[in-house]
PDB file of all heavy atoms in Angstrom:
ATOM      1  N   ASP A   1      97.125  77.613  98.033  1.00  0.00           N
ATOM      2  CA  ASP A   1      95.971  78.480  98.219  1.00  0.00           C
ATOM      3  C   ASP A   1      96.222  79.593  99.323  1.00  0.00           C
ATOM      4  O   ASP A   1      95.313  79.909 100.064  1.00  0.00           O
ATOM      5  CB  ASP A   1      94.725  77.687  98.591  1.00  0.00           C
ATOM      6  CG  ASP A   1      94.451  76.569  97.594  1.00  0.00           C
ATOM      7  OD1 ASP A   1      94.428  76.880  96.406  1.00  0.00           O
ATOM      8  OD2 ASP A   1      94.317  75.403  97.984  1.00  0.00           O
ATOM      9  N   ILE A   2      97.383  80.142  99.352  1.00  0.00           N
ATOM     10  CA  ILE A   2      97.711  81.224 100.267  1.00  0.00           C
ATOM     11  C   ILE A   2      97.094  82.544  99.760  1.00  0.00           C
ATOM     12  O   ILE A   2      97.138  82.851  98.590  1.00  0.00           O
ATOM     13  CB  ILE A   2      99.226  81.439 100.416  1.00  0.00           C
ATOM     14  CG1 ILE A   2      99.887  80.076 100.741  1.00  0.00           C
ATOM     15  CG2 ILE A   2      99.520  82.457 101.507  1.00  0.00           C
ATOM     16  CD1 ILE A   2      99.534  79.496 102.043  1.00  0.00           C
ATOM     17  N   ASN A   3      96.479  83.277 100.704  1.00  0.00           N
ATOM     18  CA  ASN A   3      95.911  84.592 100.351  1.00  0.00           C
ATOM     19  C   ASN A   3      96.852  85.709 100.778  1.00  0.00           C
ATOM     20  O   ASN A   3      97.116  85.901 101.978  1.00  0.00           O
ATOM     21  CB  ASN A   3      94.565  84.746 101.108  1.00  0.00           C
ATOM     22  CG  ASN A   3      93.689  85.888 100.529  1.00  0.00           C
ATOM     23  OD1 ASN A   3      94.247  86.759  99.817  1.00  0.00           O
ATOM     24  ND2 ASN A   3      92.446  85.884 100.836  1.00  0.00           N
ATOM     25  N   ILE A   4      97.436  86.393  99.824  1.00  0.00           N
ATOM     26  CA  ILE A   4      98.557  87.337 100.071  1.00  0.00           C
ATOM     27  C   ILE A   4      98.148  88.763  99.688  1.00  0.00           C
ATOM     28  O   ILE A   4      97.619  88.949  98.589  1.00  0.00           O
ATOM     29  CB  ILE A   4      99.815  86.920  99.337  1.00  0.00           C
ATOM     30  CG1 ILE A   4     100.192  85.456  99.645  1.00  0.00           C
ATOM     31  CG2 ILE A   4     100.983  87.838  99.650  1.00  0.00           C
ATOM     32  CD1 ILE A   4     101.294  84.941  98.754  1.00  0.00           C
ATOM     33  N   LEU A   5      98.431  89.692 100.564  1.00  0.00           N
ATOM     34  CA  LEU A   5      98.217  91.053 100.256  1.00  0.00           C
ATOM     35  C   LEU A   5      99.615  91.762 100.094  1.00  0.00           C
ATOM     36  O   LEU A   5     100.441  91.664 100.968  1.00  0.00           O
ATOM     37  CB  LEU A   5      97.450  91.793 101.405  1.00  0.00           C
ATOM     38  CG  LEU A   5      97.164  93.299 101.245  1.00  0.00           C
ATOM     39  CD1 LEU A   5      96.379  93.568 100.022  1.00  0.00           C
ATOM     40  CD2 LEU A   5      96.375  93.796 102.474  1.00  0.00           C
ATOM     41  N   ILE A   6      99.816  92.403  98.930  1.00  0.00           N
ATOM     42  CA  ILE A   6     101.104  92.942  98.634  1.00  0.00           C
ATOM     43  C   ILE A   6     101.004  94.473  98.410  1.00  0.00           C
ATOM     44  O   ILE A   6     100.163  94.933  97.643  1.00  0.00           O
ATOM     45  CB  ILE A   6     101.708  92.287  97.356  1.00  0.00           C
ATOM     46  CG1 ILE A   6     101.774  90.804  97.511  1.00  0.00           C
ATOM     47  CG2 ILE A   6     103.058  92.926  97.041  1.00  0.00           C
ATOM     48  CD1 ILE A   6     102.133  90.061  96.257  1.00  0.00           C
ATOM     49  N   ALA A   7     101.887  95.218  99.092  1.00  0.00           N
ATOM     50  CA  ALA A   7     101.939  96.675  98.947  1.00  0.00           C
ATOM     51  C   ALA A   7     103.233  97.026  98.229  1.00  0.00           C
ATOM     52  O   ALA A   7     104.329  96.838  98.845  1.00  0.00           O
ATOM     53  CB  ALA A   7     101.880  97.363 100.309  1.00  0.00           C
ATOM     54  N   GLU A   8     103.144  97.468  96.998  1.00  0.00           N
ATOM     55  CA  GLU A   8     104.341  97.785  96.194  1.00  0.00           C
ATOM     56  C   GLU A   8     103.903  98.813  95.147  1.00  0.00           C
ATOM     57  O   GLU A   8     102.927  98.582  94.419  1.00  0.00           O
ATOM     58  CB  GLU A   8     104.881  96.506  95.544  1.00  0.00           C
ATOM     59  CG  GLU A   8     105.933  96.732  94.453  1.00  0.00           C
ATOM     60  CD  GLU A   8     107.168  97.413  94.987  1.00  0.00           C
ATOM     61  OE1 GLU A   8     107.905  96.784  95.776  1.00  0.00           O
ATOM     62  OE2 GLU A   8     107.426  98.582  94.585  1.00  0.00           O
ATOM     63  N   ASP A   9     104.636  99.942  95.076  1.00  0.00           N
ATOM     64  CA  ASP A   9     104.180 101.026  94.169  1.00  0.00           C
ATOM     65  C   ASP A   9     104.779 100.906  92.802  1.00  0.00           C
ATOM     66  O   ASP A   9     104.396 101.643  91.877  1.00  0.00           O
ATOM     67  CB  ASP A   9     104.495 102.372  94.761  1.00  0.00           C
ATOM     68  CG  ASP A   9     105.977 102.618  94.956  1.00  0.00           C
ATOM     69  OD1 ASP A   9     106.690 101.757  95.524  1.00  0.00           O
ATOM     70  OD2 ASP A   9     106.500 103.641  94.438  1.00  0.00           O
ATOM     71  N   ASN A  10     105.833 100.035  92.582  1.00  0.00           N
ATOM     72  CA  ASN A  10     106.509  99.946  91.335  1.00  0.00           C
ATOM     73  C   ASN A  10     105.872  98.853  90.468  1.00  0.00           C
ATOM     74  O   ASN A  10     105.771  97.697  90.863  1.00  0.00           O
ATOM     75  CB  ASN A  10     107.946  99.660  91.532  1.00  0.00           C
ATOM     76  CG  ASN A  10     108.769  99.707  90.231  1.00  0.00           C
ATOM     77  OD1 ASN A  10     108.668  98.835  89.421  1.00  0.00           O
ATOM     78  ND2 ASN A  10     109.531 100.773  90.025  1.00  0.00           N
ATOM     79  N   GLU A  11     105.345  99.255  89.271  1.00  0.00           N
ATOM     80  CA  GLU A  11     104.644  98.293  88.393  1.00  0.00           C
ATOM     81  C   GLU A  11     105.461  97.070  88.019  1.00  0.00           C
ATOM     82  O   GLU A  11     104.995  95.942  87.951  1.00  0.00           O
ATOM     83  CB  GLU A  11     104.185  99.029  87.153  1.00  0.00           C
ATOM     84  CG  GLU A  11     103.268 100.207  87.361  1.00  0.00           C
ATOM     85  CD  GLU A  11     104.047 101.480  87.478  1.00  0.00           C
ATOM     86  OE1 GLU A  11     105.207 101.476  87.854  1.00  0.00           O
ATOM     87  OE2 GLU A  11     103.456 102.566  87.185  1.00  0.00           O
ATOM     88  N   TYR A  12     106.774  97.275  87.771  1.00  0.00           N
ATOM     89  CA  TYR A  12     107.589  96.169  87.352  1.00  0.00           C
ATOM     90  C   TYR A  12     107.838  95.210  88.575  1.00  0.00           C
ATOM     91  O   TYR A  12     107.800  93.958  88.353  1.00  0.00           O
ATOM     92  CB  TYR A  12     109.040  96.719  86.929  1.00  0.00           C
ATOM     93  CG  TYR A  12     109.182  96.672  85.475  1.00  0.00           C
ATOM     94  CD1 TYR A  12     108.383  97.450  84.617  1.00  0.00           C
ATOM     95  CD2 TYR A  12     110.171  95.847  84.868  1.00  0.00           C
ATOM     96  CE1 TYR A  12     108.532  97.434  83.249  1.00  0.00           C
ATOM     97  CE2 TYR A  12     110.306  95.826  83.483  1.00  0.00           C
ATOM     98  CZ  TYR A  12     109.503  96.598  82.665  1.00  0.00           C
ATOM     99  OH  TYR A  12     109.652  96.532  81.355  1.00  0.00           O
ATOM    100  N   LYS A  13     107.985  95.760  89.743  1.00  0.00           N
ATOM    101  CA  LYS A  13     108.190  94.851  90.908  1.00  0.00           C
ATOM    102  C   LYS A  13     106.923  94.136  91.233  1.00  0.00           C
ATOM    103  O   LYS A  13     106.918  92.977  91.675  1.00  0.00           O
ATOM    104  CB  LYS A  13     108.679  95.732  92.107  1.00  0.00           C
ATOM    105  CG  LYS A  13     110.091  96.255  91.899  1.00  0.00           C
ATOM    106  CD  LYS A  13     110.494  97.165  93.026  1.00  0.00           C
ATOM    107  CE  LYS A  13     111.866  97.761  92.777  1.00  0.00           C
ATOM    108  NZ  LYS A  13     112.271  98.794  93.791  1.00  0.00           N
ATOM    109  N   GLN A  14     105.743  94.789  91.015  1.00  0.00           N
ATOM    110  CA  GLN A  14     104.448  94.104  91.180  1.00  0.00           C
ATOM    111  C   GLN A  14     104.384  92.888  90.321  1.00  0.00           C
ATOM    112  O   GLN A  14     103.981  91.811  90.724  1.00  0.00           O
ATOM    113  CB  GLN A  14     103.306  95.062  90.880  1.00  0.00           C
ATOM    114  CG  GLN A  14     103.082  96.144  91.879  1.00  0.00           C
ATOM    115  CD  GLN A  14     101.943  97.069  91.469  1.00  0.00           C
ATOM    116  OE1 GLN A  14     101.388  96.955  90.383  1.00  0.00           O
ATOM    117  NE2 GLN A  14     101.543  97.990  92.351  1.00  0.00           N
ATOM    118  N   LEU A  15     104.722  93.088  89.019  1.00  0.00           N
ATOM    119  CA  LEU A  15     104.656  92.001  88.067  1.00  0.00           C
ATOM    120  C   LEU A  15     105.643  90.827  88.487  1.00  0.00           C
ATOM    121  O   LEU A  15     105.290  89.667  88.401  1.00  0.00           O
ATOM    122  CB  LEU A  15     105.006  92.526  86.692  1.00  0.00           C
ATOM    123  CG  LEU A  15     104.957  91.526  85.492  1.00  0.00           C
ATOM    124  CD1 LEU A  15     103.558  90.904  85.383  1.00  0.00           C
ATOM    125  CD2 LEU A  15     105.377  92.244  84.258  1.00  0.00           C
ATOM    126  N   LEU A  16     106.869  91.218  88.846  1.00  0.00           N
ATOM    127  CA  LEU A  16     107.853  90.228  89.238  1.00  0.00           C
ATOM    128  C   LEU A  16     107.436  89.410  90.447  1.00  0.00           C
ATOM    129  O   LEU A  16     107.576  88.180  90.475  1.00  0.00           O
ATOM    130  CB  LEU A  16     109.213  90.937  89.498  1.00  0.00           C
ATOM    131  CG  LEU A  16     110.377  90.029  89.878  1.00  0.00           C
ATOM    132  CD1 LEU A  16     110.703  88.971  88.758  1.00  0.00           C
ATOM    133  CD2 LEU A  16     111.649  90.840  90.200  1.00  0.00           C
ATOM    134  N   ILE A  17     106.950  90.099  91.507  1.00  0.00           N
ATOM    135  CA  ILE A  17     106.518  89.374  92.720  1.00  0.00           C
ATOM    136  C   ILE A  17     105.375  88.436  92.414  1.00  0.00           C
ATOM    137  O   ILE A  17     105.336  87.278  92.831  1.00  0.00           O
ATOM    138  CB  ILE A  17     106.089  90.408  93.826  1.00  0.00           C
ATOM    139  CG1 ILE A  17     107.329  91.232  94.256  1.00  0.00           C
ATOM    140  CG2 ILE A  17     105.525  89.691  95.016  1.00  0.00           C
ATOM    141  CD1 ILE A  17     106.987  92.430  95.104  1.00  0.00           C
ATOM    142  N   ALA A  18     104.358  88.960  91.687  1.00  0.00           N
ATOM    143  CA  ALA A  18     103.197  88.136  91.334  1.00  0.00           C
ATOM    144  C   ALA A  18     103.582  86.944  90.522  1.00  0.00           C
ATOM    145  O   ALA A  18     103.103  85.811  90.789  1.00  0.00           O
ATOM    146  CB  ALA A  18     102.203  89.018  90.629  1.00  0.00           C
ATOM    147  N   ASP A  19     104.458  87.110  89.525  1.00  0.00           N
ATOM    148  CA  ASP A  19     104.877  86.007  88.691  1.00  0.00           C
ATOM    149  C   ASP A  19     105.604  84.951  89.496  1.00  0.00           C
ATOM    150  O   ASP A  19     105.426  83.730  89.298  1.00  0.00           O
ATOM    151  CB  ASP A  19     105.741  86.514  87.560  1.00  0.00           C
ATOM    152  CG  ASP A  19     104.916  87.185  86.430  1.00  0.00           C
ATOM    153  OD1 ASP A  19     103.732  87.117  86.515  1.00  0.00           O
ATOM    154  OD2 ASP A  19     105.569  87.780  85.521  1.00  0.00           O
ATOM    155  N   THR A  20     106.469  85.385  90.459  1.00  0.00           N
ATOM    156  CA  THR A  20     107.223  84.471  91.278  1.00  0.00           C
ATOM    157  C   THR A  20     106.284  83.610  92.130  1.00  0.00           C
ATOM    158  O   THR A  20     106.393  82.396  92.228  1.00  0.00           O
ATOM    159  CB  THR A  20     108.192  85.238  92.134  1.00  0.00           C
ATOM    160  OG1 THR A  20     109.113  85.949  91.323  1.00  0.00           O
ATOM    161  CG2 THR A  20     108.989  84.292  93.014  1.00  0.00           C
ATOM    162  N   LEU A  21     105.328  84.275  92.805  1.00  0.00           N
ATOM    163  CA  LEU A  21     104.390  83.580  93.668  1.00  0.00           C
ATOM    164  C   LEU A  21     103.494  82.614  92.915  1.00  0.00           C
ATOM    165  O   LEU A  21     103.252  81.488  93.382  1.00  0.00           O
ATOM    166  CB  LEU A  21     103.595  84.623  94.490  1.00  0.00           C
ATOM    167  CG  LEU A  21     104.385  85.464  95.428  1.00  0.00           C
ATOM    168  CD1 LEU A  21     103.464  86.553  96.024  1.00  0.00           C
ATOM    169  CD2 LEU A  21     105.028  84.663  96.489  1.00  0.00           C
ATOM    170  N   LYS A  22     103.018  83.079  91.792  1.00  0.00           N
ATOM    171  CA  LYS A  22     102.152  82.220  90.967  1.00  0.00           C
ATOM    172  C   LYS A  22     102.888  81.010  90.407  1.00  0.00           C
ATOM    173  O   LYS A  22     102.315  79.943  90.253  1.00  0.00           O
ATOM    174  CB  LYS A  22     101.534  83.008  89.819  1.00  0.00           C
ATOM    175  CG  LYS A  22     100.499  84.006  90.257  1.00  0.00           C
ATOM    176  CD  LYS A  22     100.071  84.872  89.047  1.00  0.00           C
ATOM    177  CE  LYS A  22      99.056  85.945  89.495  1.00  0.00           C
ATOM    178  NZ  LYS A  22      98.677  86.853  88.382  1.00  0.00           N
ATOM    179  N   LYS A  23     104.171  81.183  90.154  1.00  0.00           N
ATOM    180  CA  LYS A  23     104.990  80.102  89.633  1.00  0.00           C
ATOM    181  C   LYS A  23     105.193  78.956  90.642  1.00  0.00           C
ATOM    182  O   LYS A  23     105.251  77.809  90.290  1.00  0.00           O
ATOM    183  CB  LYS A  23     106.354  80.663  89.187  1.00  0.00           C
ATOM    184  CG  LYS A  23     107.280  79.654  88.540  1.00  0.00           C
ATOM    185  CD  LYS A  23     108.546  80.353  88.075  1.00  0.00           C
ATOM    186  CE  LYS A  23     109.497  79.398  87.371  1.00  0.00           C
ATOM    187  NZ  LYS A  23     110.747  80.104  86.904  1.00  0.00           N
ATOM    188  N   PHE A  24     105.284  79.337  91.941  1.00  0.00           N
ATOM    189  CA  PHE A  24     105.680  78.384  92.916  1.00  0.00           C
ATOM    190  C   PHE A  24     104.615  77.984  93.930  1.00  0.00           C
ATOM    191  O   PHE A  24     104.783  77.015  94.677  1.00  0.00           O
ATOM    192  CB  PHE A  24     106.912  78.860  93.675  1.00  0.00           C
ATOM    193  CG  PHE A  24     108.096  79.026  92.839  1.00  0.00           C
ATOM    194  CD1 PHE A  24     108.739  80.265  92.656  1.00  0.00           C
ATOM    195  CD2 PHE A  24     108.666  77.939  92.191  1.00  0.00           C
ATOM    196  CE1 PHE A  24     109.880  80.384  91.899  1.00  0.00           C
ATOM    197  CE2 PHE A  24     109.795  78.042  91.415  1.00  0.00           C
ATOM    198  CZ  PHE A  24     110.386  79.307  91.215  1.00  0.00           C
ATOM    199  N   ILE A  25     103.488  78.707  94.036  1.00  0.00           N
ATOM    200  CA  ILE A  25     102.492  78.415  95.018  1.00  0.00           C
ATOM    201  C   ILE A  25     101.150  78.087  94.327  1.00  0.00           C
ATOM    202  O   ILE A  25     100.502  79.030  93.813  1.00  0.00           O
ATOM    203  CB  ILE A  25     102.291  79.558  96.030  1.00  0.00           C
ATOM    204  CG1 ILE A  25     103.581  79.940  96.706  1.00  0.00           C
ATOM    205  CG2 ILE A  25     101.257  79.215  97.108  1.00  0.00           C
ATOM    206  CD1 ILE A  25     103.489  81.123  97.656  1.00  0.00           C
TER     207      ILE A  25
END
């Protein structure tokens, strides 16, 4: 249940970071 704020302007990297975090946390 970590609350994370992510600043990233690239749509692909947004998707990759979000998928990684959702997969493991």
